[in-house]
Amino acid sequence: MKKVLASLFTLVLMVSSAYAQNGMENVKGTVASLAASSVTLTSTGGKKQTVTTTADTKYTKMDTAIAMKDIKVGDHVVIQATKKDGKLIATTVQVDMENMPGMKM
């Protein structure tokens, strides 16, 4: 009975976590390249992933709005994206504090 309850509890946590993300995926990494409508990141594991950007994508750095042109290769970013037709579409791109002098974590 304890195993069943533990399994049920774990399942509820997993479902509520997925629901809380509201279909969003977080993509984290270092900017490897930038194009007019995409950002390619390299994860800490070395995997490259390209995320499409649109006119609706919002860019921020420490809660301040910035433009895509303010993002540089080598910046650490966190991207919130939705998946559409097998592609990740960025809704927000946030420059991580690791890029700020004296803010290494």
C-alpha atoms as a PDB file:
ATOM      1  CA  MET A   1       0.000   0.000   0.000  1.00  0.00           C
ATOM      2  CA  LYS A   2       2.869   2.396   0.823  1.00  0.00           C
ATOM      3  CA  LYS A   3       4.439   1.762  -2.591  1.00  0.00           C
ATOM      4  CA  VAL A   4       1.157   2.517  -4.324  1.00  0.00           C
ATOM      5  CA  LEU A   5       0.735   5.776  -2.401  1.00  0.00           C
ATOM      6  CA  ALA A   6       4.355   6.777  -3.069  1.00  0.00           C
ATOM      7  CA  SER A   7       3.929   6.039  -6.778  1.00  0.00           C
ATOM      8  CA  LEU A   8       0.675   7.985  -6.914  1.00  0.00           C
ATOM      9  CA  PHE A   9       2.282  10.949  -5.123  1.00  0.00           C
ATOM     10  CA  THR A  10       5.205  10.920  -7.576  1.00  0.00           C
ATOM     11  CA  LEU A  11       2.834  10.790 -10.533  1.00  0.00           C
ATOM     12  CA  VAL A  12       0.821  13.741  -9.203  1.00  0.00           C
ATOM     13  CA  LEU A  13       4.016  15.780  -8.775  1.00  0.00           C
ATOM     14  CA  MET A  14       5.169  15.001 -12.311  1.00  0.00           C
ATOM     15  CA  VAL A  15       1.806  15.892 -13.845  1.00  0.00           C
ATOM     16  CA  SER A  16       1.475  19.127 -11.876  1.00  0.00           C
ATOM     17  CA  SER A  17       5.038  20.112 -12.839  1.00  0.00           C
ATOM     18  CA  ALA A  18       4.288  19.555 -16.524  1.00  0.00           C
ATOM     19  CA  TYR A  19       1.001  21.448 -16.176  1.00  0.00           C
ATOM     20  CA  ALA A  20       2.753  24.362 -14.459  1.00  0.00           C
ATOM     21  CA  GLN A  21       5.048  24.747 -17.483  1.00  0.00           C
ATOM     22  CA  ASN A  22       1.922  25.270 -19.626  1.00  0.00           C
ATOM     23  CA  GLY A  23       3.512  23.584 -22.618  1.00  0.00           C
ATOM     24  CA  MET A  24       6.670  25.700 -22.372  1.00  0.00           C
ATOM     25  CA  GLU A  25      10.182  24.314 -22.593  1.00  0.00           C
ATOM     26  CA  ASN A  26      13.238  25.920 -21.014  1.00  0.00           C
ATOM     27  CA  VAL A  27      16.380  25.819 -23.116  1.00  0.00           C
ATOM     28  CA  LYS A  28      19.619  26.886 -21.405  1.00  0.00           C
ATOM     29  CA  GLY A  29      23.071  27.292 -22.810  1.00  0.00           C
ATOM     30  CA  THR A  30      25.759  29.464 -24.326  1.00  0.00           C
ATOM     31  CA  VAL A  31      24.999  31.308 -27.546  1.00  0.00           C
ATOM     32  CA  ALA A  32      26.971  29.591 -30.309  1.00  0.00           C
ATOM     33  CA  SER A  33      25.538  31.619 -33.195  1.00  0.00           C
ATOM     34  CA  LEU A  34      22.841  34.133 -34.076  1.00  0.00           C
ATOM     35  CA  ALA A  35      20.851  34.472 -37.287  1.00  0.00           C
ATOM     36  CA  ALA A  36      18.071  36.844 -38.319  1.00  0.00           C
ATOM     37  CA  SER A  37      15.394  34.495 -36.974  1.00  0.00           C
ATOM     38  CA  SER A  38      17.157  31.996 -34.706  1.00  0.00           C
ATOM     39  CA  VAL A  39      19.566  31.475 -31.840  1.00  0.00           C
ATOM     40  CA  THR A  40      21.778  28.388 -31.632  1.00  0.00           C
ATOM     41  CA  LEU A  41      22.873  27.359 -28.144  1.00  0.00           C
ATOM     42  CA  THR A  42      25.442  24.915 -26.863  1.00  0.00           C
ATOM     43  CA  SER A  43      24.395  23.147 -23.651  1.00  0.00           C
ATOM     44  CA  THR A  44      26.828  22.298 -20.862  1.00  0.00           C
ATOM     45  CA  GLY A  45      26.872  18.772 -22.304  1.00  0.00           C
ATOM     46  CA  GLY A  46      28.013  20.105 -25.686  1.00  0.00           C
ATOM     47  CA  LYS A  47      24.700  19.549 -27.504  1.00  0.00           C
ATOM     48  CA  LYS A  48      23.737  22.270 -30.009  1.00  0.00           C
ATOM     49  CA  GLN A  49      20.113  23.335 -30.250  1.00  0.00           C
ATOM     50  CA  THR A  50      18.560  25.957 -32.518  1.00  0.00           C
ATOM     51  CA  VAL A  51      15.539  27.948 -31.374  1.00  0.00           C
ATOM     52  CA  THR A  52      13.510  30.034 -33.819  1.00  0.00           C
ATOM     53  CA  THR A  53      12.773  33.651 -32.905  1.00  0.00           C
ATOM     54  CA  THR A  54       9.843  35.743 -34.121  1.00  0.00           C
ATOM     55  CA  ALA A  55       8.701  39.360 -34.017  1.00  0.00           C
ATOM     56  CA  ASP A  56       6.844  38.425 -30.799  1.00  0.00           C
ATOM     57  CA  THR A  57       9.949  37.105 -28.990  1.00  0.00           C
ATOM     58  CA  LYS A  58      10.836  39.217 -25.932  1.00  0.00           C
ATOM     59  CA  TYR A  59      14.462  39.742 -24.870  1.00  0.00           C
ATOM     60  CA  THR A  60      15.578  40.723 -21.361  1.00  0.00           C
ATOM     61  CA  LYS A  61      18.714  41.217 -19.308  1.00  0.00           C
ATOM     62  CA  MET A  62      18.248  41.646 -15.545  1.00  0.00           C
ATOM     63  CA  ASP A  63      14.547  42.535 -15.986  1.00  0.00           C
ATOM     64  CA  THR A  64      15.376  45.198 -18.586  1.00  0.00           C
ATOM     65  CA  ALA A  65      14.064  44.879 -22.128  1.00  0.00           C
ATOM     66  CA  ILE A  66      16.789  44.546 -24.746  1.00  0.00           C
ATOM     67  CA  ALA A  67      16.870  43.746 -28.470  1.00  0.00           C
ATOM     68  CA  MET A  68      18.190  40.625 -30.177  1.00  0.00           C
ATOM     69  CA  LYS A  69      21.134  42.700 -31.439  1.00  0.00           C
ATOM     70  CA  ASP A  70      22.235  43.119 -27.794  1.00  0.00           C
ATOM     71  CA  ILE A  71      22.827  39.367 -27.458  1.00  0.00           C
ATOM     72  CA  LYS A  72      26.346  38.207 -28.305  1.00  0.00           C
ATOM     73  CA  VAL A  73      27.998  34.874 -29.057  1.00  0.00           C
ATOM     74  CA  GLY A  74      29.227  33.506 -25.719  1.00  0.00           C
ATOM     75  CA  ASP A  75      26.320  34.931 -23.688  1.00  0.00           C
ATOM     76  CA  HIS A  76      24.594  32.510 -21.347  1.00  0.00           C
ATOM     77  CA  VAL A  77      20.848  32.556 -21.963  1.00  0.00           C
ATOM     78  CA  VAL A  78      17.642  30.906 -20.813  1.00  0.00           C
ATOM     79  CA  ILE A  79      14.987  30.617 -23.503  1.00  0.00           C
ATOM     80  CA  GLN A  80      11.338  29.806 -22.888  1.00  0.00           C
ATOM     81  CA  ALA A  81       9.890  28.242 -26.008  1.00  0.00           C
ATOM     82  CA  THR A  82       6.898  26.396 -27.333  1.00  0.00           C
ATOM     83  CA  LYS A  83       7.121  23.476 -29.734  1.00  0.00           C
ATOM     84  CA  LYS A  84       5.328  23.884 -33.059  1.00  0.00           C
ATOM     85  CA  ASP A  85       5.692  21.547 -36.029  1.00  0.00           C
ATOM     86  CA  GLY A  86       8.773  20.005 -34.414  1.00  0.00           C
ATOM     87  CA  LYS A  87      10.522  23.375 -33.961  1.00  0.00           C
ATOM     88  CA  LEU A  88      11.140  25.332 -30.781  1.00  0.00           C
ATOM     89  CA  ILE A  89       9.736  28.869 -31.051  1.00  0.00           C
ATOM     90  CA  ALA A  90      11.148  31.356 -28.513  1.00  0.00           C
ATOM     91  CA  THR A  91       8.693  33.413 -26.494  1.00  0.00           C
ATOM     92  CA  THR A  92      11.375  34.898 -24.205  1.00  0.00           C
ATOM     93  CA  VAL A  93      15.159  35.026 -24.294  1.00  0.00           C
ATOM     94  CA  GLN A  94      16.766  36.062 -21.023  1.00  0.00           C
ATOM     95  CA  VAL A  95      20.470  36.817 -20.780  1.00  0.00           C
ATOM     96  CA  ASP A  96      21.734  35.006 -17.700  1.00  0.00           C
ATOM     97  CA  MET A  97      23.538  36.779 -14.845  1.00  0.00           C
ATOM     98  CA  GLU A  98      26.659  34.664 -15.494  1.00  0.00           C
ATOM     99  CA  ASN A  99      27.536  37.271 -18.133  1.00  0.00           C
ATOM    100  CA  MET A 100      27.607  40.094 -15.602  1.00  0.00           C
ATOM    101  CA  PRO A 101      31.022  40.972 -14.105  1.00  0.00           C
ATOM    102  CA  GLY A 102      31.265  39.710 -10.537  1.00  0.00           C
ATOM    103  CA  MET A 103      28.072  37.634 -10.830  1.00  0.00           C
ATOM    104  CA  LYS A 104      29.497  34.150 -11.493  1.00  0.00           C
ATOM    105  CA  MET A 105      27.430  31.499  -9.741  1.00  0.00           C
END
